[in-house]
Amino acid sequence: MDGLCAELQRRVPSEVHEDGAELVRRLPALPPGLRAMAATYDLDVSLALDDLGWHFATWHHQPLAEETQRGLDALHAHEAAQLFSAAYALVLPHWHTIGRLLIHDVADFIVWYAGSELEKALEPLNRQMWKLRDSRGYWGLMSYWLPYARAYPYNLVYISQ
């Protein structure tokens, strides 16, 4: 796992993860497996710190959400992919509201989200996602990476002809 993390850090430095648009711009240059891993990394971090609603506020970039969905599917994280998809569907009707709130001040989002219909609707999905993440042990959702790497090592590198 340390090798995978080091390779991802080399190809997608931490500062790139601070900007969803920049991360999405860089993902297509990665081999398919590393692309999936890089796209799902921030979701694992979000679940360790917050909930799915906060994930979509912190990473308020629809192409990144779509990359995260594809990444979960690619890594065979099927239950996580289903939960993420359901959460994304609940968040989409609020997408512009969240974006508008974030433009002014994150505090505006905090006030709006706390006790909101969205937070209540996401609660069962949050509980399921946290339970899944916890069941995966220390590495959480990142624990899908190693079995994937073992099964599809050719998806972690580009081999020049």
N, C-alpha and C. Protein backbone atom coordinates (compact mmCIF):
# COMPACT_ATOMS: atom_id res chain seq x y z
N MET A 1 0.83 -1.19 0.00
CA MET A 1 0.00 0.00 0.00
C MET A 1 0.86 1.25 0.00
N ASP A 2 1.98 1.19 0.72
CA ASP A 2 2.87 2.36 0.77
C ASP A 2 3.36 2.72 -0.63
N GLY A 3 3.64 1.71 -1.45
CA GLY A 3 4.11 1.95 -2.81
C GLY A 3 3.05 2.64 -3.66
N LEU A 4 1.81 2.19 -3.53
CA LEU A 4 0.72 2.83 -4.28
C LEU A 4 0.54 4.28 -3.85
N CYS A 5 0.57 4.51 -2.55
CA CYS A 5 0.41 5.88 -2.04
C CYS A 5 1.55 6.78 -2.51
N ALA A 6 2.77 6.24 -2.49
CA ALA A 6 3.93 7.02 -2.93
C ALA A 6 3.82 7.35 -4.42
N GLU A 7 3.39 6.39 -5.23
CA GLU A 7 3.26 6.64 -6.66
C GLU A 7 2.17 7.66 -6.94
N LEU A 8 1.06 7.56 -6.24
CA LEU A 8 0.00 8.56 -6.41
C LEU A 8 0.47 9.94 -5.98
N GLN A 9 1.18 10.01 -4.88
CA GLN A 9 1.70 11.29 -4.41
C GLN A 9 2.67 11.88 -5.43
N ARG A 10 3.47 11.04 -6.04
CA ARG A 10 4.43 11.50 -7.05
C ARG A 10 3.69 12.06 -8.27
N ARG A 11 2.65 11.37 -8.70
CA ARG A 11 1.93 11.77 -9.91
C ARG A 11 0.87 12.84 -9.66
N VAL A 12 0.29 12.82 -8.47
CA VAL A 12 -0.75 13.79 -8.12
C VAL A 12 -0.42 14.33 -6.73
N PRO A 13 0.43 15.34 -6.65
CA PRO A 13 0.84 15.89 -5.35
C PRO A 13 -0.35 16.41 -4.54
N SER A 14 -0.18 16.47 -3.26
CA SER A 14 -1.26 16.88 -2.34
C SER A 14 -1.91 18.19 -2.74
N GLU A 15 -1.11 19.15 -3.19
CA GLU A 15 -1.69 20.46 -3.53
C GLU A 15 -2.69 20.37 -4.69
N VAL A 16 -2.54 19.37 -5.55
CA VAL A 16 -3.50 19.19 -6.65
C VAL A 16 -4.87 18.81 -6.09
N HIS A 17 -4.89 18.06 -4.99
CA HIS A 17 -6.15 17.64 -4.38
C HIS A 17 -6.90 18.80 -3.74
N GLU A 18 -6.28 19.96 -3.66
CA GLU A 18 -6.94 21.12 -3.08
C GLU A 18 -7.86 21.82 -4.08
N ASP A 19 -7.76 21.45 -5.35
CA ASP A 19 -8.54 22.09 -6.41
C ASP A 19 -9.18 20.99 -7.26
N GLY A 20 -10.49 20.82 -7.09
CA GLY A 20 -11.20 19.76 -7.83
C GLY A 20 -11.04 19.87 -9.33
N ALA A 21 -11.06 21.08 -9.87
CA ALA A 21 -10.93 21.26 -11.32
C ALA A 21 -9.54 20.82 -11.79
N GLU A 22 -8.51 21.17 -11.04
CA GLU A 22 -7.15 20.78 -11.40
C GLU A 22 -6.98 19.26 -11.29
N LEU A 23 -7.55 18.69 -10.27
CA LEU A 23 -7.47 17.23 -10.12
C LEU A 23 -8.13 16.54 -11.30
N VAL A 24 -9.32 16.97 -11.66
CA VAL A 24 -10.03 16.37 -12.80
C VAL A 24 -9.24 16.57 -14.09
N ARG A 25 -8.59 17.70 -14.23
CA ARG A 25 -7.79 17.97 -15.43
C ARG A 25 -6.63 16.98 -15.54
N ARG A 26 -6.05 16.60 -14.41
CA ARG A 26 -4.88 15.72 -14.41
C ARG A 26 -5.22 14.23 -14.47
N LEU A 27 -6.40 13.86 -14.06
CA LEU A 27 -6.75 12.44 -13.97
C LEU A 27 -6.61 11.67 -15.29
N PRO A 28 -7.02 12.21 -16.43
CA PRO A 28 -6.92 11.42 -17.66
C PRO A 28 -5.49 11.03 -18.05
N ALA A 29 -4.49 11.72 -17.53
CA ALA A 29 -3.10 11.38 -17.84
C ALA A 29 -2.61 10.15 -17.06
N LEU A 30 -3.38 9.72 -16.08
CA LEU A 30 -2.98 8.59 -15.25
C LEU A 30 -3.44 7.26 -15.85
N PRO A 31 -2.70 6.19 -15.57
CA PRO A 31 -3.20 4.87 -15.94
C PRO A 31 -4.54 4.62 -15.23
N PRO A 32 -5.40 3.79 -15.79
CA PRO A 32 -6.77 3.64 -15.26
C PRO A 32 -6.85 3.33 -13.77
N GLY A 33 -6.02 2.47 -13.26
CA GLY A 33 -6.07 2.13 -11.84
C GLY A 33 -5.69 3.29 -10.95
N LEU A 34 -4.62 3.98 -11.31
CA LEU A 34 -4.21 5.15 -10.52
C LEU A 34 -5.23 6.27 -10.62
N ARG A 35 -5.86 6.37 -11.77
CA ARG A 35 -6.91 7.39 -11.94
C ARG A 35 -8.06 7.11 -10.97
N ALA A 36 -8.48 5.85 -10.88
CA ALA A 36 -9.56 5.49 -9.97
C ALA A 36 -9.16 5.75 -8.52
N MET A 37 -7.93 5.43 -8.17
CA MET A 37 -7.46 5.63 -6.80
C MET A 37 -7.40 7.11 -6.46
N ALA A 38 -6.85 7.91 -7.36
CA ALA A 38 -6.75 9.35 -7.12
C ALA A 38 -8.14 9.98 -7.01
N ALA A 39 -9.09 9.48 -7.79
CA ALA A 39 -10.44 10.05 -7.79
C ALA A 39 -11.22 9.69 -6.53
N THR A 40 -10.85 8.61 -5.86
CA THR A 40 -11.60 8.18 -4.67
C THR A 40 -10.92 8.57 -3.36
N TYR A 41 -9.69 9.00 -3.42
CA TYR A 41 -8.93 9.31 -2.22
C TYR A 41 -9.64 10.35 -1.33
N ASP A 42 -10.09 11.43 -1.93
CA ASP A 42 -10.68 12.51 -1.14
C ASP A 42 -12.00 12.09 -0.49
N LEU A 43 -12.72 11.16 -1.09
CA LEU A 43 -13.93 10.64 -0.46
C LEU A 43 -13.58 9.92 0.83
N ASP A 44 -12.53 9.12 0.82
CA ASP A 44 -12.10 8.42 2.03
C ASP A 44 -11.74 9.43 3.12
N VAL A 45 -11.03 10.47 2.76
CA VAL A 45 -10.66 11.51 3.73
C VAL A 45 -11.92 12.18 4.27
N SER A 46 -12.84 12.52 3.39
CA SER A 46 -14.09 13.17 3.81
C SER A 46 -14.85 12.33 4.82
N LEU A 47 -14.92 11.03 4.57
CA LEU A 47 -15.68 10.15 5.46
C LEU A 47 -15.01 10.01 6.82
N ALA A 48 -13.70 10.18 6.85
CA ALA A 48 -12.98 10.13 8.13
C ALA A 48 -13.24 11.39 8.94
N LEU A 49 -13.52 12.50 8.27
CA LEU A 49 -13.67 13.79 8.95
C LEU A 49 -15.11 14.26 9.08
N ASP A 50 -15.94 13.96 8.09
CA ASP A 50 -17.28 14.52 8.02
C ASP A 50 -18.27 13.50 7.48
N ASP A 51 -19.22 13.99 6.71
CA ASP A 51 -20.22 13.12 6.11
C ASP A 51 -20.31 13.38 4.61
N LEU A 52 -21.22 12.69 3.96
CA LEU A 52 -21.35 12.82 2.51
C LEU A 52 -21.78 14.21 2.08
N GLY A 53 -22.64 14.85 2.86
CA GLY A 53 -23.04 16.22 2.53
C GLY A 53 -21.86 17.17 2.53
N TRP A 54 -21.03 17.04 3.55
CA TRP A 54 -19.82 17.86 3.62
C TRP A 54 -18.85 17.50 2.50
N HIS A 55 -18.80 16.24 2.11
CA HIS A 55 -17.90 15.86 1.00
C HIS A 55 -18.28 16.64 -0.26
N PHE A 56 -19.58 16.68 -0.55
CA PHE A 56 -20.01 17.38 -1.77
C PHE A 56 -19.87 18.89 -1.66
N ALA A 57 -19.82 19.42 -0.45
CA ALA A 57 -19.55 20.85 -0.27
C ALA A 57 -18.05 21.11 -0.39
N THR A 58 -17.25 20.29 0.25
CA THR A 58 -15.79 20.47 0.20
C THR A 58 -15.28 20.27 -1.22
N TRP A 59 -15.80 19.27 -1.89
CA TRP A 59 -15.40 18.96 -3.26
C TRP A 59 -16.57 19.28 -4.18
N HIS A 60 -16.91 20.56 -4.25
CA HIS A 60 -18.08 21.03 -4.98
C HIS A 60 -17.74 21.20 -6.47
N HIS A 61 -17.57 20.07 -7.11
CA HIS A 61 -17.18 20.06 -8.51
C HIS A 61 -17.80 18.82 -9.14
N GLN A 62 -18.81 19.00 -9.98
CA GLN A 62 -19.54 17.86 -10.52
C GLN A 62 -18.67 16.89 -11.31
N PRO A 63 -17.76 17.36 -12.17
CA PRO A 63 -16.91 16.38 -12.86
C PRO A 63 -16.08 15.53 -11.89
N LEU A 64 -15.68 16.09 -10.75
CA LEU A 64 -14.95 15.30 -9.77
C LEU A 64 -15.87 14.26 -9.13
N ALA A 65 -17.11 14.63 -8.84
CA ALA A 65 -18.07 13.66 -8.30
C ALA A 65 -18.26 12.51 -9.29
N GLU A 66 -18.34 12.84 -10.57
CA GLU A 66 -18.51 11.80 -11.58
C GLU A 66 -17.26 10.92 -11.69
N GLU A 67 -16.07 11.51 -11.56
CA GLU A 67 -14.83 10.74 -11.54
C GLU A 67 -14.78 9.83 -10.31
N THR A 68 -15.23 10.34 -9.17
CA THR A 68 -15.26 9.54 -7.95
C THR A 68 -16.17 8.33 -8.14
N GLN A 69 -17.32 8.56 -8.73
CA GLN A 69 -18.26 7.46 -9.01
C GLN A 69 -17.61 6.41 -9.91
N ARG A 70 -17.00 6.86 -10.99
CA ARG A 70 -16.33 5.92 -11.91
C ARG A 70 -15.20 5.19 -11.20
N GLY A 71 -14.47 5.91 -10.35
CA GLY A 71 -13.36 5.30 -9.62
C GLY A 71 -13.83 4.20 -8.68
N LEU A 72 -14.89 4.45 -7.94
CA LEU A 72 -15.43 3.42 -7.05
C LEU A 72 -15.87 2.19 -7.85
N ASP A 73 -16.53 2.43 -8.96
CA ASP A 73 -16.94 1.31 -9.82
C ASP A 73 -15.74 0.54 -10.33
N ALA A 74 -14.73 1.26 -10.81
CA ALA A 74 -13.53 0.62 -11.36
C ALA A 74 -12.81 -0.23 -10.32
N LEU A 75 -12.80 0.25 -9.08
CA LEU A 75 -12.10 -0.46 -8.00
C LEU A 75 -12.94 -1.60 -7.41
N HIS A 76 -14.10 -1.83 -7.98
CA HIS A 76 -15.02 -2.88 -7.50
C HIS A 76 -15.51 -2.61 -6.09
N ALA A 77 -15.60 -1.35 -5.73
CA ALA A 77 -16.15 -0.93 -4.44
C ALA A 77 -17.66 -0.73 -4.65
N HIS A 78 -18.35 -1.81 -4.96
CA HIS A 78 -19.72 -1.74 -5.43
C HIS A 78 -20.69 -1.13 -4.41
N GLU A 79 -20.59 -1.55 -3.15
CA GLU A 79 -21.50 -1.00 -2.14
C GLU A 79 -21.23 0.49 -1.95
N ALA A 80 -19.96 0.87 -1.87
CA ALA A 80 -19.61 2.29 -1.74
C ALA A 80 -20.10 3.08 -2.94
N ALA A 81 -19.97 2.49 -4.13
CA ALA A 81 -20.42 3.16 -5.35
C ALA A 81 -21.93 3.39 -5.33
N GLN A 82 -22.68 2.41 -4.86
CA GLN A 82 -24.14 2.57 -4.78
C GLN A 82 -24.52 3.65 -3.78
N LEU A 83 -23.86 3.65 -2.63
CA LEU A 83 -24.16 4.66 -1.61
C LEU A 83 -23.78 6.06 -2.10
N PHE A 84 -22.62 6.17 -2.74
CA PHE A 84 -22.16 7.45 -3.27
C PHE A 84 -23.15 7.96 -4.33
N SER A 85 -23.58 7.07 -5.21
CA SER A 85 -24.51 7.44 -6.27
C SER A 85 -25.83 7.94 -5.68
N ALA A 86 -26.33 7.24 -4.67
CA ALA A 86 -27.58 7.65 -4.02
C ALA A 86 -27.42 9.01 -3.35
N ALA A 87 -26.28 9.23 -2.70
CA ALA A 87 -26.02 10.51 -2.05
C ALA A 87 -25.93 11.64 -3.09
N TYR A 88 -25.22 11.37 -4.16
CA TYR A 88 -25.07 12.37 -5.22
C TYR A 88 -26.44 12.76 -5.79
N ALA A 89 -27.31 11.78 -5.97
CA ALA A 89 -28.65 12.05 -6.48
C ALA A 89 -29.43 12.95 -5.51
N LEU A 90 -29.24 12.75 -4.21
CA LEU A 90 -29.92 13.60 -3.22
C LEU A 90 -29.33 15.01 -3.19
N VAL A 91 -28.05 15.13 -3.43
CA VAL A 91 -27.36 16.42 -3.37
C VAL A 91 -27.64 17.26 -4.62
N LEU A 92 -27.78 16.63 -5.77
CA LEU A 92 -27.92 17.37 -7.04
C LEU A 92 -28.99 18.46 -7.02
N PRO A 93 -30.18 18.21 -6.49
CA PRO A 93 -31.18 19.30 -6.49
C PRO A 93 -30.74 20.52 -5.65
N HIS A 94 -29.77 20.33 -4.78
CA HIS A 94 -29.28 21.41 -3.92
C HIS A 94 -27.93 21.96 -4.39
N TRP A 95 -27.44 21.47 -5.52
CA TRP A 95 -26.09 21.78 -5.96
C TRP A 95 -25.84 23.28 -6.08
N HIS A 96 -26.75 23.98 -6.74
CA HIS A 96 -26.56 25.43 -6.94
C HIS A 96 -26.67 26.20 -5.63
N THR A 97 -27.57 25.77 -4.77
CA THR A 97 -27.71 26.42 -3.46
C THR A 97 -26.40 26.28 -2.68
N ILE A 98 -25.86 25.07 -2.66
CA ILE A 98 -24.60 24.83 -1.95
C ILE A 98 -23.50 25.71 -2.53
N GLY A 99 -23.39 25.75 -3.84
CA GLY A 99 -22.38 26.58 -4.49
C GLY A 99 -22.53 28.04 -4.15
N ARG A 100 -23.76 28.53 -4.14
CA ARG A 100 -24.02 29.93 -3.80
C ARG A 100 -23.61 30.22 -2.36
N LEU A 101 -23.94 29.31 -1.46
CA LEU A 101 -23.58 29.49 -0.05
C LEU A 101 -22.06 29.50 0.14
N LEU A 102 -21.38 28.63 -0.56
CA LEU A 102 -19.93 28.52 -0.42
C LEU A 102 -19.19 29.74 -0.97
N ILE A 103 -19.77 30.39 -1.95
CA ILE A 103 -19.14 31.58 -2.54
C ILE A 103 -18.97 32.67 -1.48
N HIS A 104 -19.98 32.84 -0.65
CA HIS A 104 -19.93 33.90 0.36
C HIS A 104 -19.03 33.52 1.52
N ASP A 105 -19.34 32.39 2.14
CA ASP A 105 -18.59 31.99 3.34
C ASP A 105 -19.02 30.58 3.70
N VAL A 106 -18.07 29.74 4.04
CA VAL A 106 -18.40 28.37 4.42
C VAL A 106 -19.36 28.35 5.62
N ALA A 107 -19.32 29.39 6.43
CA ALA A 107 -20.23 29.48 7.58
C ALA A 107 -21.68 29.49 7.11
N ASP A 108 -21.94 30.08 5.94
CA ASP A 108 -23.30 30.08 5.40
C ASP A 108 -23.76 28.65 5.11
N PHE A 109 -22.85 27.84 4.57
CA PHE A 109 -23.19 26.43 4.32
C PHE A 109 -23.43 25.71 5.64
N ILE A 110 -22.59 25.95 6.62
CA ILE A 110 -22.72 25.28 7.93
C ILE A 110 -24.10 25.53 8.52
N VAL A 111 -24.53 26.78 8.50
CA VAL A 111 -25.84 27.14 9.06
C VAL A 111 -26.96 26.48 8.25
N TRP A 112 -26.85 26.53 6.93
CA TRP A 112 -27.89 25.97 6.07
C TRP A 112 -27.97 24.45 6.20
N TYR A 113 -26.82 23.78 6.22
CA TYR A 113 -26.79 22.31 6.19
C TYR A 113 -27.22 21.69 7.52
N ALA A 114 -26.85 22.28 8.62
CA ALA A 114 -27.17 21.72 9.94
C ALA A 114 -28.68 21.61 10.12
N GLY A 115 -29.17 20.39 10.20
CA GLY A 115 -30.59 20.15 10.39
C GLY A 115 -31.43 20.28 9.14
N SER A 116 -30.79 20.49 7.99
CA SER A 116 -31.52 20.66 6.73
C SER A 116 -32.18 19.35 6.28
N GLU A 117 -33.09 19.48 5.34
CA GLU A 117 -33.71 18.30 4.73
C GLU A 117 -32.63 17.42 4.09
N LEU A 118 -31.64 18.04 3.48
CA LEU A 118 -30.57 17.28 2.85
C LEU A 118 -29.79 16.48 3.88
N GLU A 119 -29.42 17.11 4.98
CA GLU A 119 -28.67 16.38 6.01
C GLU A 119 -29.49 15.20 6.53
N LYS A 120 -30.77 15.41 6.74
CA LYS A 120 -31.64 14.33 7.22
C LYS A 120 -31.77 13.22 6.18
N ALA A 121 -31.89 13.58 4.91
CA ALA A 121 -32.01 12.57 3.86
C ALA A 121 -30.72 11.76 3.69
N LEU A 122 -29.58 12.41 3.92
CA LEU A 122 -28.29 11.73 3.77
C LEU A 122 -27.93 10.86 4.98
N GLU A 123 -28.58 11.09 6.11
CA GLU A 123 -28.19 10.39 7.35
C GLU A 123 -28.13 8.87 7.20
N PRO A 124 -29.13 8.21 6.62
CA PRO A 124 -29.02 6.75 6.51
C PRO A 124 -27.86 6.33 5.60
N LEU A 125 -27.62 7.10 4.56
CA LEU A 125 -26.50 6.79 3.66
C LEU A 125 -25.17 7.02 4.37
N ASN A 126 -25.10 8.08 5.17
CA ASN A 126 -23.89 8.33 5.96
C ASN A 126 -23.61 7.16 6.89
N ARG A 127 -24.64 6.72 7.60
CA ARG A 127 -24.45 5.60 8.54
C ARG A 127 -23.95 4.36 7.82
N GLN A 128 -24.53 4.07 6.66
CA GLN A 128 -24.10 2.89 5.89
C GLN A 128 -22.67 3.06 5.37
N MET A 129 -22.36 4.26 4.90
CA MET A 129 -21.02 4.50 4.35
C MET A 129 -19.97 4.44 5.45
N TRP A 130 -20.26 5.01 6.61
CA TRP A 130 -19.30 4.95 7.72
C TRP A 130 -19.11 3.51 8.17
N LYS A 131 -20.20 2.76 8.24
CA LYS A 131 -20.11 1.35 8.64
C LYS A 131 -19.25 0.57 7.63
N LEU A 132 -19.48 0.82 6.36
CA LEU A 132 -18.68 0.16 5.32
C LEU A 132 -17.22 0.56 5.46
N ARG A 133 -16.97 1.85 5.58
CA ARG A 133 -15.60 2.33 5.71
C ARG A 133 -14.92 1.68 6.92
N ASP A 134 -15.60 1.68 8.05
CA ASP A 134 -15.03 1.09 9.26
C ASP A 134 -14.79 -0.41 9.11
N SER A 135 -15.67 -1.09 8.39
CA SER A 135 -15.52 -2.53 8.21
C SER A 135 -14.29 -2.88 7.36
N ARG A 136 -13.77 -1.91 6.65
CA ARG A 136 -12.62 -2.13 5.78
C ARG A 136 -11.29 -1.98 6.52
N GLY A 137 -11.34 -1.67 7.81
CA GLY A 137 -10.13 -1.58 8.62
C GLY A 137 -9.42 -0.25 8.47
N TYR A 138 -8.16 -0.26 8.82
CA TYR A 138 -7.33 0.95 8.89
C TYR A 138 -7.39 1.79 7.62
N TRP A 139 -7.36 1.14 6.47
CA TRP A 139 -7.28 1.88 5.21
C TRP A 139 -8.64 2.34 4.70
N GLY A 140 -9.74 1.98 5.35
CA GLY A 140 -11.05 2.44 4.91
C GLY A 140 -11.32 2.09 3.45
N LEU A 141 -11.84 3.05 2.71
CA LEU A 141 -12.14 2.81 1.30
C LEU A 141 -10.89 2.58 0.47
N MET A 142 -9.76 3.07 0.96
CA MET A 142 -8.50 2.85 0.24
C MET A 142 -8.12 1.36 0.26
N SER A 143 -8.75 0.58 1.11
CA SER A 143 -8.45 -0.85 1.16
C SER A 143 -8.85 -1.57 -0.13
N TYR A 144 -9.65 -0.94 -0.97
CA TYR A 144 -10.00 -1.52 -2.26
C TYR A 144 -8.82 -1.45 -3.24
N TRP A 145 -7.88 -0.57 -2.96
CA TRP A 145 -6.77 -0.35 -3.89
C TRP A 145 -5.88 -1.57 -4.06
N LEU A 146 -5.46 -2.18 -2.97
CA LEU A 146 -4.50 -3.27 -3.04
C LEU A 146 -5.04 -4.50 -3.77
N PRO A 147 -6.25 -4.98 -3.46
CA PRO A 147 -6.77 -6.10 -4.25
C PRO A 147 -6.89 -5.76 -5.74
N TYR A 148 -7.28 -4.51 -6.03
CA TYR A 148 -7.36 -4.08 -7.42
C TYR A 148 -5.97 -4.13 -8.06
N ALA A 149 -4.97 -3.60 -7.37
CA ALA A 149 -3.61 -3.57 -7.92
C ALA A 149 -3.08 -4.99 -8.17
N ARG A 150 -3.41 -5.90 -7.29
CA ARG A 150 -2.97 -7.29 -7.46
C ARG A 150 -3.68 -7.95 -8.63
N ALA A 151 -4.95 -7.65 -8.81
CA ALA A 151 -5.73 -8.26 -9.89
C ALA A 151 -5.44 -7.63 -11.25
N TYR A 152 -5.11 -6.34 -11.27
CA TYR A 152 -4.94 -5.61 -12.53
C TYR A 152 -3.66 -4.77 -12.52
N PRO A 153 -2.51 -5.38 -12.32
CA PRO A 153 -1.28 -4.58 -12.24
C PRO A 153 -1.01 -3.77 -13.51
N TYR A 154 -1.46 -4.28 -14.64
CA TYR A 154 -1.26 -3.58 -15.91
C TYR A 154 -2.06 -2.28 -15.98
N ASN A 155 -3.04 -2.09 -15.10
CA ASN A 155 -3.82 -0.85 -15.08
C ASN A 155 -3.16 0.23 -14.21
N LEU A 156 -1.97 -0.07 -13.69
CA LEU A 156 -1.27 0.89 -12.85
C LEU A 156 -0.11 1.55 -13.57
N VAL A 157 0.20 1.09 -14.75
CA VAL A 157 1.33 1.62 -15.50
C VAL A 157 0.94 1.77 -16.97
N TYR A 158 1.63 2.66 -17.63
CA TYR A 158 1.56 2.74 -19.08
C TYR A 158 2.87 2.17 -19.59
N ILE A 159 2.78 1.23 -20.47
CA ILE A 159 3.99 0.61 -21.03
C ILE A 159 4.18 1.18 -22.43
N SER A 160 5.34 1.80 -22.65
CA SER A 160 5.59 2.36 -23.97
C SER A 160 5.97 1.24 -24.95
N GLN A 161 5.50 1.40 -26.14
CA GLN A 161 5.74 0.40 -27.19
C GLN A 161 7.06 0.63 -27.88
